[in-house]
């Protein structure tokens, strides 16, 4: 079997803080987020909102973070 894509998911305490870390320190690109308690996909992240899930990408990988 040959894999075409690998997408790790990490459980985190604060999705917004995790997004900021991966963007600022590791230069990941924010792709989308889902606000906690909804299924609505958002294209930008707000400091005033709690998120259940976010997806980020880099040139060679994709990654998801979600509440633990």
C-alpha atoms as a PDB file:
ATOM      1  CA  UNK A   1       0.000   0.000   0.000  1.00  0.00           C
ATOM      2  CA  UNK A   2       1.327   3.456  -0.935  1.00  0.00           C
ATOM      3  CA  UNK A   3       0.321   6.526   1.099  1.00  0.00           C
ATOM      4  CA  UNK A   4      -0.379   9.736  -0.783  1.00  0.00           C
ATOM      5  CA  UNK A   5      -0.935  11.970   2.226  1.00  0.00           C
ATOM      6  CA  UNK A   6      -0.407  11.765   5.972  1.00  0.00           C
ATOM      7  CA  UNK A   7      -2.348  14.131   8.246  1.00  0.00           C
ATOM      8  CA  UNK A   8      -1.550  14.004  11.974  1.00  0.00           C
ATOM      9  CA  UNK A   9      -4.128  15.291  14.487  1.00  0.00           C
ATOM     10  CA  UNK A  10      -3.152  16.604  17.906  1.00  0.00           C
ATOM     11  CA  UNK A  11      -5.401  17.067  20.957  1.00  0.00           C
ATOM     12  CA  UNK A  12      -4.659  20.438  22.558  1.00  0.00           C
ATOM     13  CA  UNK A  13      -6.029  22.522  25.422  1.00  0.00           C
ATOM     14  CA  UNK A  14      -6.411  25.736  23.406  1.00  0.00           C
ATOM     15  CA  UNK A  15      -6.854  25.559  19.627  1.00  0.00           C
ATOM     16  CA  UNK A  16      -6.328  29.320  19.173  1.00  0.00           C
ATOM     17  CA  UNK A  17      -3.018  29.298  21.067  1.00  0.00           C
ATOM     18  CA  UNK A  18      -1.881  26.244  19.115  1.00  0.00           C
ATOM     19  CA  UNK A  19      -2.713  27.917  15.791  1.00  0.00           C
ATOM     20  CA  UNK A  20      -0.720  30.992  16.833  1.00  0.00           C
ATOM     21  CA  UNK A  21       2.293  28.826  17.763  1.00  0.00           C
ATOM     22  CA  UNK A  22       2.283  26.874  14.503  1.00  0.00           C
ATOM     23  CA  UNK A  23       1.858  30.059  12.458  1.00  0.00           C
ATOM     24  CA  UNK A  24       4.366  32.282  14.293  1.00  0.00           C
ATOM     25  CA  UNK A  25       7.075  29.761  15.203  1.00  0.00           C
ATOM     26  CA  UNK A  26       6.834  27.036  12.542  1.00  0.00           C
ATOM     27  CA  UNK A  27       5.449  29.143   9.628  1.00  0.00           C
ATOM     28  CA  UNK A  28       2.375  26.956   9.037  1.00  0.00           C
ATOM     29  CA  UNK A  29      -0.497  28.436   7.017  1.00  0.00           C
ATOM     30  CA  UNK A  30      -3.947  28.612   8.619  1.00  0.00           C
ATOM     31  CA  UNK A  31      -6.527  26.771   6.475  1.00  0.00           C
ATOM     32  CA  UNK A  32      -9.761  26.666   8.511  1.00  0.00           C
ATOM     33  CA  UNK A  33     -11.309  26.368  11.968  1.00  0.00           C
ATOM     34  CA  UNK A  34     -14.555  25.082  13.472  1.00  0.00           C
ATOM     35  CA  UNK A  35     -16.010  27.031  16.376  1.00  0.00           C
ATOM     36  CA  UNK A  36     -16.656  24.956  19.512  1.00  0.00           C
ATOM     37  CA  UNK A  37     -20.262  23.689  19.568  1.00  0.00           C
ATOM     38  CA  UNK A  38     -20.900  24.238  15.837  1.00  0.00           C
ATOM     39  CA  UNK A  39     -20.137  22.619  12.489  1.00  0.00           C
ATOM     40  CA  UNK A  40     -19.532  25.917  10.687  1.00  0.00           C
ATOM     41  CA  UNK A  41     -16.173  26.228   8.929  1.00  0.00           C
ATOM     42  CA  UNK A  42     -14.462  29.597   9.412  1.00  0.00           C
ATOM     43  CA  UNK A  43     -11.711  30.977   7.175  1.00  0.00           C
ATOM     44  CA  UNK A  44     -10.124  33.162   9.833  1.00  0.00           C
ATOM     45  CA  UNK A  45      -9.507  32.792  13.537  1.00  0.00           C
ATOM     46  CA  UNK A  46     -10.552  35.251  16.259  1.00  0.00           C
ATOM     47  CA  UNK A  47      -9.028  35.718  19.708  1.00  0.00           C
ATOM     48  CA  UNK A  48     -12.528  36.097  21.205  1.00  0.00           C
ATOM     49  CA  UNK A  49     -13.800  32.702  19.979  1.00  0.00           C
ATOM     50  CA  UNK A  50     -13.193  29.170  21.273  1.00  0.00           C
ATOM     51  CA  UNK A  51     -12.545  26.599  18.560  1.00  0.00           C
ATOM     52  CA  UNK A  52     -13.009  22.825  18.565  1.00  0.00           C
ATOM     53  CA  UNK A  53     -10.769  22.165  15.571  1.00  0.00           C
ATOM     54  CA  UNK A  54      -8.355  23.920  13.222  1.00  0.00           C
ATOM     55  CA  UNK A  55      -6.429  22.832  10.147  1.00  0.00           C
ATOM     56  CA  UNK A  56      -3.033  24.191   9.184  1.00  0.00           C
ATOM     57  CA  UNK A  57      -0.660  23.362   6.358  1.00  0.00           C
ATOM     58  CA  UNK A  58       2.945  23.781   5.320  1.00  0.00           C
ATOM     59  CA  UNK A  59       4.679  23.127   2.035  1.00  0.00           C
ATOM     60  CA  UNK A  60       5.083  19.405   2.766  1.00  0.00           C
ATOM     61  CA  UNK A  61       2.333  18.588   5.277  1.00  0.00           C
ATOM     62  CA  UNK A  62      -1.146  19.156   6.727  1.00  0.00           C
ATOM     63  CA  UNK A  63      -2.003  19.104  10.411  1.00  0.00           C
ATOM     64  CA  UNK A  64      -5.147  19.322  12.520  1.00  0.00           C
ATOM     65  CA  UNK A  65      -5.555  20.372  16.144  1.00  0.00           C
ATOM     66  CA  UNK A  66      -8.602  19.799  18.324  1.00  0.00           C
ATOM     67  CA  UNK A  67      -9.710  20.215  21.896  1.00  0.00           C
ATOM     68  CA  UNK A  68      -8.485  17.545  24.310  1.00  0.00           C
END
